[in-house]
PDB file of all heavy atoms in Angstrom:
ATOM      1  N   GLN A   1     -21.517 -34.365  23.093  1.00  0.00           N
ATOM      2  CA  GLN A   1     -21.114 -35.717  23.052  1.00  0.00           C
ATOM      3  C   GLN A   1     -21.953 -36.541  22.074  1.00  0.00           C
ATOM      4  O   GLN A   1     -23.102 -36.249  21.833  1.00  0.00           O
ATOM      5  CB  GLN A   1     -21.203 -36.377  24.420  1.00  0.00           C
ATOM      6  CG  GLN A   1     -20.329 -35.726  25.521  1.00  0.00           C
ATOM      7  CD  GLN A   1     -20.356 -36.463  26.781  1.00  0.00           C
ATOM      8  OE1 GLN A   1     -20.337 -35.832  27.876  1.00  0.00           O
ATOM      9  NE2 GLN A   1     -20.417 -37.797  26.755  1.00  0.00           N
ATOM     10  N   SER A   2     -21.318 -37.562  21.557  1.00  0.00           N
ATOM     11  CA  SER A   2     -22.017 -38.569  20.702  1.00  0.00           C
ATOM     12  C   SER A   2     -21.397 -39.937  20.887  1.00  0.00           C
ATOM     13  O   SER A   2     -20.275 -40.024  21.394  1.00  0.00           O
ATOM     14  CB  SER A   2     -21.990 -38.128  19.199  1.00  0.00           C
ATOM     15  OG  SER A   2     -20.673 -38.106  18.772  1.00  0.00           O
ATOM     16  N   GLY A   3     -22.086 -40.955  20.461  1.00  0.00           N
ATOM     17  CA  GLY A   3     -21.637 -42.319  20.665  1.00  0.00           C
ATOM     18  C   GLY A   3     -22.372 -42.886  21.835  1.00  0.00           C
ATOM     19  O   GLY A   3     -23.266 -42.316  22.402  1.00  0.00           O
ATOM     20  N   GLY A   4     -21.885 -44.028  22.342  1.00  0.00           N
ATOM     21  CA  GLY A   4     -22.483 -44.680  23.420  1.00  0.00           C
ATOM     22  C   GLY A   4     -23.601 -45.641  22.998  1.00  0.00           C
ATOM     23  O   GLY A   4     -23.876 -45.763  21.823  1.00  0.00           O
ATOM     24  N   GLY A   5     -24.264 -46.229  23.966  1.00  0.00           N
ATOM     25  CA  GLY A   5     -25.346 -47.146  23.681  1.00  0.00           C
ATOM     26  C   GLY A   5     -25.134 -48.513  24.322  1.00  0.00           C
ATOM     27  O   GLY A   5     -24.378 -48.596  25.287  1.00  0.00           O
ATOM     28  N   LEU A   6     -25.816 -49.466  23.753  1.00  0.00           N
ATOM     29  CA  LEU A   6     -25.783 -50.806  24.299  1.00  0.00           C
ATOM     30  C   LEU A   6     -24.748 -51.659  23.435  1.00  0.00           C
ATOM     31  O   LEU A   6     -24.864 -51.662  22.207  1.00  0.00           O
ATOM     32  CB  LEU A   6     -27.137 -51.466  24.261  1.00  0.00           C
ATOM     33  CG  LEU A   6     -27.239 -52.950  24.655  1.00  0.00           C
ATOM     34  CD1 LEU A   6     -26.795 -53.136  26.082  1.00  0.00           C
ATOM     35  CD2 LEU A   6     -28.667 -53.473  24.395  1.00  0.00           C
ATOM     36  N   VAL A   7     -23.883 -52.412  24.148  1.00  0.00           N
ATOM     37  CA  VAL A   7     -22.943 -53.287  23.428  1.00  0.00           C
ATOM     38  C   VAL A   7     -22.775 -54.523  24.257  1.00  0.00           C
ATOM     39  O   VAL A   7     -22.879 -54.538  25.495  1.00  0.00           O
ATOM     40  CB  VAL A   7     -21.588 -52.516  23.270  1.00  0.00           C
ATOM     41  CG1 VAL A   7     -20.929 -52.159  24.564  1.00  0.00           C
ATOM     42  CG2 VAL A   7     -20.654 -53.353  22.377  1.00  0.00           C
ATOM     43  N   GLN A   8     -22.453 -55.615  23.594  1.00  0.00           N
ATOM     44  CA  GLN A   8     -22.226 -56.914  24.257  1.00  0.00           C
ATOM     45  C   GLN A   8     -20.785 -56.929  24.856  1.00  0.00           C
ATOM     46  O   GLN A   8     -19.921 -56.234  24.336  1.00  0.00           O
ATOM     47  CB  GLN A   8     -22.398 -58.039  23.272  1.00  0.00           C
ATOM     48  CG  GLN A   8     -23.801 -58.228  22.833  1.00  0.00           C
ATOM     49  CD  GLN A   8     -23.999 -59.496  21.988  1.00  0.00           C
ATOM     50  OE1 GLN A   8     -23.047 -60.060  21.490  1.00  0.00           O
ATOM     51  NE2 GLN A   8     -25.211 -59.990  21.885  1.00  0.00           N
ATOM     52  N   PRO A   9     -20.623 -57.700  25.905  1.00  0.00           N
ATOM     53  CA  PRO A   9     -19.261 -57.845  26.400  1.00  0.00           C
ATOM     54  C   PRO A   9     -18.273 -58.284  25.338  1.00  0.00           C
ATOM     55  O   PRO A   9     -18.616 -59.099  24.500  1.00  0.00           O
ATOM     56  CB  PRO A   9     -19.425 -58.924  27.482  1.00  0.00           C
ATOM     57  CG  PRO A   9     -20.860 -58.815  27.902  1.00  0.00           C
ATOM     58  CD  PRO A   9     -21.616 -58.447  26.655  1.00  0.00           C
ATOM     59  N   GLY A  10     -17.107 -57.665  25.394  1.00  0.00           N
ATOM     60  CA  GLY A  10     -16.119 -57.958  24.350  1.00  0.00           C
ATOM     61  C   GLY A  10     -16.234 -57.040  23.121  1.00  0.00           C
ATOM     62  O   GLY A  10     -15.301 -56.997  22.338  1.00  0.00           O
ATOM     63  N   GLY A  11     -17.250 -56.243  23.059  1.00  0.00           N
ATOM     64  CA  GLY A  11     -17.456 -55.334  21.940  1.00  0.00           C
ATOM     65  C   GLY A  11     -16.733 -54.046  22.081  1.00  0.00           C
ATOM     66  O   GLY A  11     -16.001 -53.792  23.075  1.00  0.00           O
ATOM     67  N   SER A  12     -16.923 -53.191  21.111  1.00  0.00           N
ATOM     68  CA  SER A  12     -16.233 -51.883  21.052  1.00  0.00           C
ATOM     69  C   SER A  12     -17.250 -50.748  20.813  1.00  0.00           C
ATOM     70  O   SER A  12     -18.290 -50.970  20.196  1.00  0.00           O
ATOM     71  CB  SER A  12     -15.230 -51.901  19.904  1.00  0.00           C
ATOM     72  OG  SER A  12     -14.178 -52.842  20.122  1.00  0.00           O
ATOM     73  N   LEU A  13     -16.910 -49.606  21.320  1.00  0.00           N
ATOM     74  CA  LEU A  13     -17.633 -48.364  21.051  1.00  0.00           C
ATOM     75  C   LEU A  13     -16.632 -47.210  21.008  1.00  0.00           C
ATOM     76  O   LEU A  13     -15.552 -47.263  21.621  1.00  0.00           O
ATOM     77  CB  LEU A  13     -18.627 -48.051  22.200  1.00  0.00           C
ATOM     78  CG  LEU A  13     -19.945 -48.844  22.277  1.00  0.00           C
ATOM     79  CD1 LEU A  13     -20.659 -48.434  23.564  1.00  0.00           C
ATOM     80  CD2 LEU A  13     -20.810 -48.577  21.023  1.00  0.00           C
ATOM     81  N   ARG A  14     -17.015 -46.097  20.299  1.00  0.00           N
ATOM     82  CA  ARG A  14     -16.247 -44.933  20.244  1.00  0.00           C
ATOM     83  C   ARG A  14     -17.119 -43.742  20.650  1.00  0.00           C
ATOM     84  O   ARG A  14     -18.169 -43.539  20.071  1.00  0.00           O
ATOM     85  CB  ARG A  14     -15.604 -44.689  18.896  1.00  0.00           C
ATOM     86  CG  ARG A  14     -14.589 -43.499  18.949  1.00  0.00           C
ATOM     87  CD  ARG A  14     -13.908 -43.290  17.669  1.00  0.00           C
ATOM     88  NE  ARG A  14     -14.691 -42.455  16.707  1.00  0.00           N
ATOM     89  CZ  ARG A  14     -14.140 -41.766  15.706  1.00  0.00           C
ATOM     90  NH1 ARG A  14     -12.825 -41.777  15.568  1.00  0.00           N
ATOM     91  NH2 ARG A  14     -14.926 -41.125  14.912  1.00  0.00           N
ATOM     92  N   LEU A  15     -16.636 -43.029  21.659  1.00  0.00           N
ATOM     93  CA  LEU A  15     -17.313 -41.787  22.060  1.00  0.00           C
ATOM     94  C   LEU A  15     -16.630 -40.583  21.477  1.00  0.00           C
ATOM     95  O   LEU A  15     -15.355 -40.565  21.347  1.00  0.00           O
ATOM     96  CB  LEU A  15     -17.306 -41.670  23.577  1.00  0.00           C
ATOM     97  CG  LEU A  15     -17.894 -42.884  24.371  1.00  0.00           C
ATOM     98  CD1 LEU A  15     -17.839 -42.559  25.910  1.00  0.00           C
ATOM     99  CD2 LEU A  15     -19.292 -43.197  23.984  1.00  0.00           C
ATOM    100  N   SER A  16     -17.377 -39.559  21.140  1.00  0.00           N
ATOM    101  CA  SER A  16     -16.856 -38.377  20.609  1.00  0.00           C
ATOM    102  C   SER A  16     -17.364 -37.193  21.427  1.00  0.00           C
ATOM    103  O   SER A  16     -18.473 -37.200  21.974  1.00  0.00           O
ATOM    104  CB  SER A  16     -17.242 -38.181  19.126  1.00  0.00           C
ATOM    105  OG  SER A  16     -16.781 -39.205  18.348  1.00  0.00           O
ATOM    106  N   CYS A  17     -16.576 -36.143  21.458  1.00  0.00           N
ATOM    107  CA  CYS A  17     -16.919 -34.938  22.195  1.00  0.00           C
ATOM    108  C   CYS A  17     -16.322 -33.778  21.460  1.00  0.00           C
ATOM    109  O   CYS A  17     -15.133 -33.635  21.371  1.00  0.00           O
ATOM    110  CB  CYS A  17     -16.392 -35.006  23.618  1.00  0.00           C
ATOM    111  SG  CYS A  17     -16.556 -33.532  24.602  1.00  0.00           S
ATOM    112  N   THR A  18     -17.197 -32.862  20.960  1.00  0.00           N
ATOM    113  CA  THR A  18     -16.802 -31.713  20.184  1.00  0.00           C
ATOM    114  C   THR A  18     -17.089 -30.411  20.933  1.00  0.00           C
ATOM    115  O   THR A  18     -18.222 -30.232  21.389  1.00  0.00           O
ATOM    116  CB  THR A  18     -17.406 -31.672  18.814  1.00  0.00           C
ATOM    117  OG1 THR A  18     -17.049 -32.902  18.090  1.00  0.00           O
ATOM    118  CG2 THR A  18     -17.006 -30.480  17.975  1.00  0.00           C
ATOM    119  N   ALA A  19     -16.103 -29.546  20.988  1.00  0.00           N
ATOM    120  CA  ALA A  19     -16.319 -28.228  21.632  1.00  0.00           C
ATOM    121  C   ALA A  19     -16.799 -27.238  20.621  1.00  0.00           C
ATOM    122  O   ALA A  19     -16.142 -27.022  19.579  1.00  0.00           O
ATOM    123  CB  ALA A  19     -15.016 -27.766  22.274  1.00  0.00           C
ATOM    124  N   SER A  20     -17.953 -26.643  20.892  1.00  0.00           N
ATOM    125  CA  SER A  20     -18.476 -25.554  20.086  1.00  0.00           C
ATOM    126  C   SER A  20     -18.128 -24.244  20.707  1.00  0.00           C
ATOM    127  O   SER A  20     -17.986 -24.137  21.907  1.00  0.00           O
ATOM    128  CB  SER A  20     -19.950 -25.695  19.872  1.00  0.00           C
ATOM    129  OG  SER A  20     -20.620 -25.526  21.082  1.00  0.00           O
ATOM    130  N   GLY A  21     -18.017 -23.211  19.891  1.00  0.00           N
ATOM    131  CA  GLY A  21     -17.631 -21.907  20.441  1.00  0.00           C
ATOM    132  C   GLY A  21     -16.081 -21.808  20.432  1.00  0.00           C
ATOM    133  O   GLY A  21     -15.378 -22.744  20.105  1.00  0.00           O
ATOM    134  N   SER A  22     -15.601 -20.648  20.833  1.00  0.00           N
ATOM    135  CA  SER A  22     -14.165 -20.409  20.824  1.00  0.00           C
ATOM    136  C   SER A  22     -13.527 -20.945  22.131  1.00  0.00           C
ATOM    137  O   SER A  22     -13.926 -20.647  23.224  1.00  0.00           O
ATOM    138  CB  SER A  22     -13.911 -18.893  20.794  1.00  0.00           C
ATOM    139  OG  SER A  22     -12.512 -18.648  20.868  1.00  0.00           O
ATOM    140  N   ILE A  23     -12.563 -21.845  21.905  1.00  0.00           N
ATOM    141  CA  ILE A  23     -11.842 -22.412  23.057  1.00  0.00           C
ATOM    142  C   ILE A  23     -10.342 -22.414  22.803  1.00  0.00           C
ATOM    143  O   ILE A  23      -9.908 -22.870  21.744  1.00  0.00           O
ATOM    144  CB  ILE A  23     -12.392 -23.855  23.371  1.00  0.00           C
ATOM    145  CG1 ILE A  23     -11.758 -24.388  24.664  1.00  0.00           C
ATOM    146  CG2 ILE A  23     -12.110 -24.756  22.189  1.00  0.00           C
ATOM    147  CD1 ILE A  23     -12.474 -25.629  25.171  1.00  0.00           C
ATOM    148  N   VAL A  24      -9.604 -21.783  23.652  1.00  0.00           N
ATOM    149  CA  VAL A  24      -8.174 -21.642  23.426  1.00  0.00           C
ATOM    150  C   VAL A  24      -7.452 -22.106  24.743  1.00  0.00           C
ATOM    151  O   VAL A  24      -8.005 -22.270  25.811  1.00  0.00           O
ATOM    152  CB  VAL A  24      -7.822 -20.203  23.107  1.00  0.00           C
ATOM    153  CG1 VAL A  24      -8.443 -19.768  21.804  1.00  0.00           C
ATOM    154  CG2 VAL A  24      -8.191 -19.292  24.240  1.00  0.00           C
ATOM    155  N   ASP A  25      -6.151 -22.224  24.543  1.00  0.00           N
ATOM    156  CA  ASP A  25      -5.293 -22.639  25.710  1.00  0.00           C
ATOM    157  C   ASP A  25      -5.726 -23.920  26.333  1.00  0.00           C
ATOM    158  O   ASP A  25      -5.828 -23.983  27.593  1.00  0.00           O
ATOM    159  CB  ASP A  25      -5.213 -21.457  26.677  1.00  0.00           C
ATOM    160  CG  ASP A  25      -4.549 -20.233  26.100  1.00  0.00           C
ATOM    161  OD1 ASP A  25      -3.721 -20.346  25.218  1.00  0.00           O
ATOM    162  OD2 ASP A  25      -4.916 -19.133  26.550  1.00  0.00           O
ATOM    163  N   ILE A  26      -6.042 -24.923  25.551  1.00  0.00           N
ATOM    164  CA  ILE A  26      -6.504 -26.225  26.091  1.00  0.00           C
ATOM    165  C   ILE A  26      -5.297 -26.822  26.801  1.00  0.00           C
ATOM    166  O   ILE A  26      -4.185 -26.952  26.233  1.00  0.00           O
ATOM    167  CB  ILE A  26      -7.012 -27.103  25.038  1.00  0.00           C
ATOM    168  CG1 ILE A  26      -8.305 -26.484  24.440  1.00  0.00           C
ATOM    169  CG2 ILE A  26      -7.311 -28.503  25.577  1.00  0.00           C
ATOM    170  CD1 ILE A  26      -8.888 -27.233  23.240  1.00  0.00           C
ATOM    171  N   VAL A  27      -5.468 -27.364  27.990  1.00  0.00           N
ATOM    172  CA  VAL A  27      -4.448 -27.993  28.758  1.00  0.00           C
ATOM    173  C   VAL A  27      -4.670 -29.541  28.766  1.00  0.00           C
ATOM    174  O   VAL A  27      -3.767 -30.301  28.572  1.00  0.00           O
ATOM    175  CB  VAL A  27      -4.398 -27.475  30.223  1.00  0.00           C
ATOM    176  CG1 VAL A  27      -3.354 -28.234  31.036  1.00  0.00           C
ATOM    177  CG2 VAL A  27      -4.106 -25.980  30.176  1.00  0.00           C
ATOM    178  N   THR A  28      -5.907 -29.951  29.063  1.00  0.00           N
ATOM    179  CA  THR A  28      -6.222 -31.355  29.047  1.00  0.00           C
ATOM    180  C   THR A  28      -7.551 -31.617  28.391  1.00  0.00           C
ATOM    181  O   THR A  28      -8.455 -30.732  28.388  1.00  0.00           O
ATOM    182  CB  THR A  28      -6.283 -31.953  30.493  1.00  0.00           C
ATOM    183  OG1 THR A  28      -7.326 -31.268  31.208  1.00  0.00           O
ATOM    184  CG2 THR A  28      -4.982 -31.777  31.269  1.00  0.00           C
ATOM    185  N   MET A  29      -7.688 -32.823  27.894  1.00  0.00           N
ATOM    186  CA  MET A  29      -9.013 -33.275  27.303  1.00  0.00           C
ATOM    187  C   MET A  29      -9.152 -34.728  27.846  1.00  0.00           C
ATOM    188  O   MET A  29      -8.191 -35.478  27.845  1.00  0.00           O
ATOM    189  CB  MET A  29      -8.967 -33.276  25.812  1.00  0.00           C
ATOM    190  CG  MET A  29      -8.533 -31.908  25.187  1.00  0.00           C
ATOM    191  SD  MET A  29      -8.330 -32.031  23.390  1.00  0.00           S
ATOM    192  CE  MET A  29     -10.060 -31.818  22.855  1.00  0.00           C
ATOM    193  N   GLY A  30     -10.369 -35.038  28.238  1.00  0.00           N
ATOM    194  CA  GLY A  30     -10.464 -36.402  28.777  1.00  0.00           C
ATOM    195  C   GLY A  30     -11.901 -36.853  29.027  1.00  0.00           C
ATOM    196  O   GLY A  30     -12.901 -36.222  28.650  1.00  0.00           O
ATOM    197  N   TRP A  31     -11.944 -37.980  29.707  1.00  0.00           N
ATOM    198  CA  TRP A  31     -13.234 -38.627  29.968  1.00  0.00           C
ATOM    199  C   TRP A  31     -13.305 -39.097  31.416  1.00  0.00           C
ATOM    200  O   TRP A  31     -12.349 -39.641  31.925  1.00  0.00           O
ATOM    201  CB  TRP A  31     -13.360 -39.837  29.048  1.00  0.00           C
ATOM    202  CG  TRP A  31     -13.424 -39.444  27.605  1.00  0.00           C
ATOM    203  CD1 TRP A  31     -12.361 -39.260  26.756  1.00  0.00           C
ATOM    204  CD2 TRP A  31     -14.668 -39.150  26.825  1.00  0.00           C
ATOM    205  NE1 TRP A  31     -12.832 -38.905  25.526  1.00  0.00           N
ATOM    206  CE2 TRP A  31     -14.222 -38.825  25.508  1.00  0.00           C
ATOM    207  CE3 TRP A  31     -15.980 -39.151  27.145  1.00  0.00           C
ATOM    208  CZ2 TRP A  31     -15.107 -38.470  24.551  1.00  0.00           C
ATOM    209  CZ3 TRP A  31     -16.899 -38.862  26.159  1.00  0.00           C
ATOM    210  CH2 TRP A  31     -16.463 -38.503  24.835  1.00  0.00           C
ATOM    211  N   TYR A  32     -14.507 -38.930  32.000  1.00  0.00           N
ATOM    212  CA  TYR A  32     -14.846 -39.470  33.282  1.00  0.00           C
ATOM    213  C   TYR A  32     -16.043 -40.356  33.071  1.00  0.00           C
ATOM    214  O   TYR A  32     -16.714 -40.322  32.078  1.00  0.00           O
ATOM    215  CB  TYR A  32     -15.233 -38.361  34.286  1.00  0.00           C
ATOM    216  CG  TYR A  32     -14.080 -37.608  34.856  1.00  0.00           C
ATOM    217  CD1 TYR A  32     -13.208 -36.865  34.113  1.00  0.00           C
ATOM    218  CD2 TYR A  32     -13.909 -37.567  36.226  1.00  0.00           C
ATOM    219  CE1 TYR A  32     -12.119 -36.151  34.678  1.00  0.00           C
ATOM    220  CE2 TYR A  32     -12.900 -36.880  36.819  1.00  0.00           C
ATOM    221  CZ  TYR A  32     -12.002 -36.164  35.998  1.00  0.00           C
ATOM    222  OH  TYR A  32     -10.931 -35.497  36.608  1.00  0.00           O
ATOM    223  N   ARG A  33     -16.306 -41.171  34.104  1.00  0.00           N
ATOM    224  CA  ARG A  33     -17.532 -41.980  34.076  1.00  0.00           C
ATOM    225  C   ARG A  33     -18.106 -42.078  35.509  1.00  0.00           C
ATOM    226  O   ARG A  33     -17.396 -41.959  36.470  1.00  0.00           O
ATOM    227  CB  ARG A  33     -17.268 -43.326  33.497  1.00  0.00           C
ATOM    228  CG  ARG A  33     -16.369 -44.300  34.358  1.00  0.00           C
ATOM    229  CD  ARG A  33     -16.130 -45.615  33.571  1.00  0.00           C
ATOM    230  NE  ARG A  33     -15.257 -46.512  34.386  1.00  0.00           N
ATOM    231  CZ  ARG A  33     -14.744 -47.648  33.863  1.00  0.00           C
ATOM    232  NH1 ARG A  33     -15.046 -48.040  32.614  1.00  0.00           N
ATOM    233  NH2 ARG A  33     -13.931 -48.380  34.586  1.00  0.00           N
ATOM    234  N   GLN A  34     -19.381 -42.305  35.488  1.00  0.00           N
ATOM    235  CA  GLN A  34     -20.116 -42.469  36.805  1.00  0.00           C
ATOM    236  C   GLN A  34     -21.043 -43.644  36.688  1.00  0.00           C
ATOM    237  O   GLN A  34     -22.017 -43.639  35.913  1.00  0.00           O
ATOM    238  CB  GLN A  34     -20.846 -41.249  37.128  1.00  0.00           C
ATOM    239  CG  GLN A  34     -21.513 -41.257  38.517  1.00  0.00           C
ATOM    240  CD  GLN A  34     -22.007 -39.892  38.951  1.00  0.00           C
ATOM    241  OE1 GLN A  34     -22.182 -38.969  38.131  1.00  0.00           O
ATOM    242  NE2 GLN A  34     -22.189 -39.715  40.256  1.00  0.00           N
ATOM    243  N   ALA A  35     -20.712 -44.690  37.429  1.00  0.00           N
ATOM    244  CA  ALA A  35     -21.536 -45.906  37.488  1.00  0.00           C
ATOM    245  C   ALA A  35     -22.686 -45.674  38.587  1.00  0.00           C
ATOM    246  O   ALA A  35     -22.510 -44.859  39.467  1.00  0.00           O
ATOM    247  CB  ALA A  35     -20.681 -47.086  37.776  1.00  0.00           C
TER     248      ALA A  35
END
């Protein structure tokens, strides 16, 4: 993963997530969060 950090309310951020290694038959890709 990359991205994230501190941002002011109303601002924007982009998170990235790259899979290394061989990955096939992908069904879903997504994001979770834990406060």
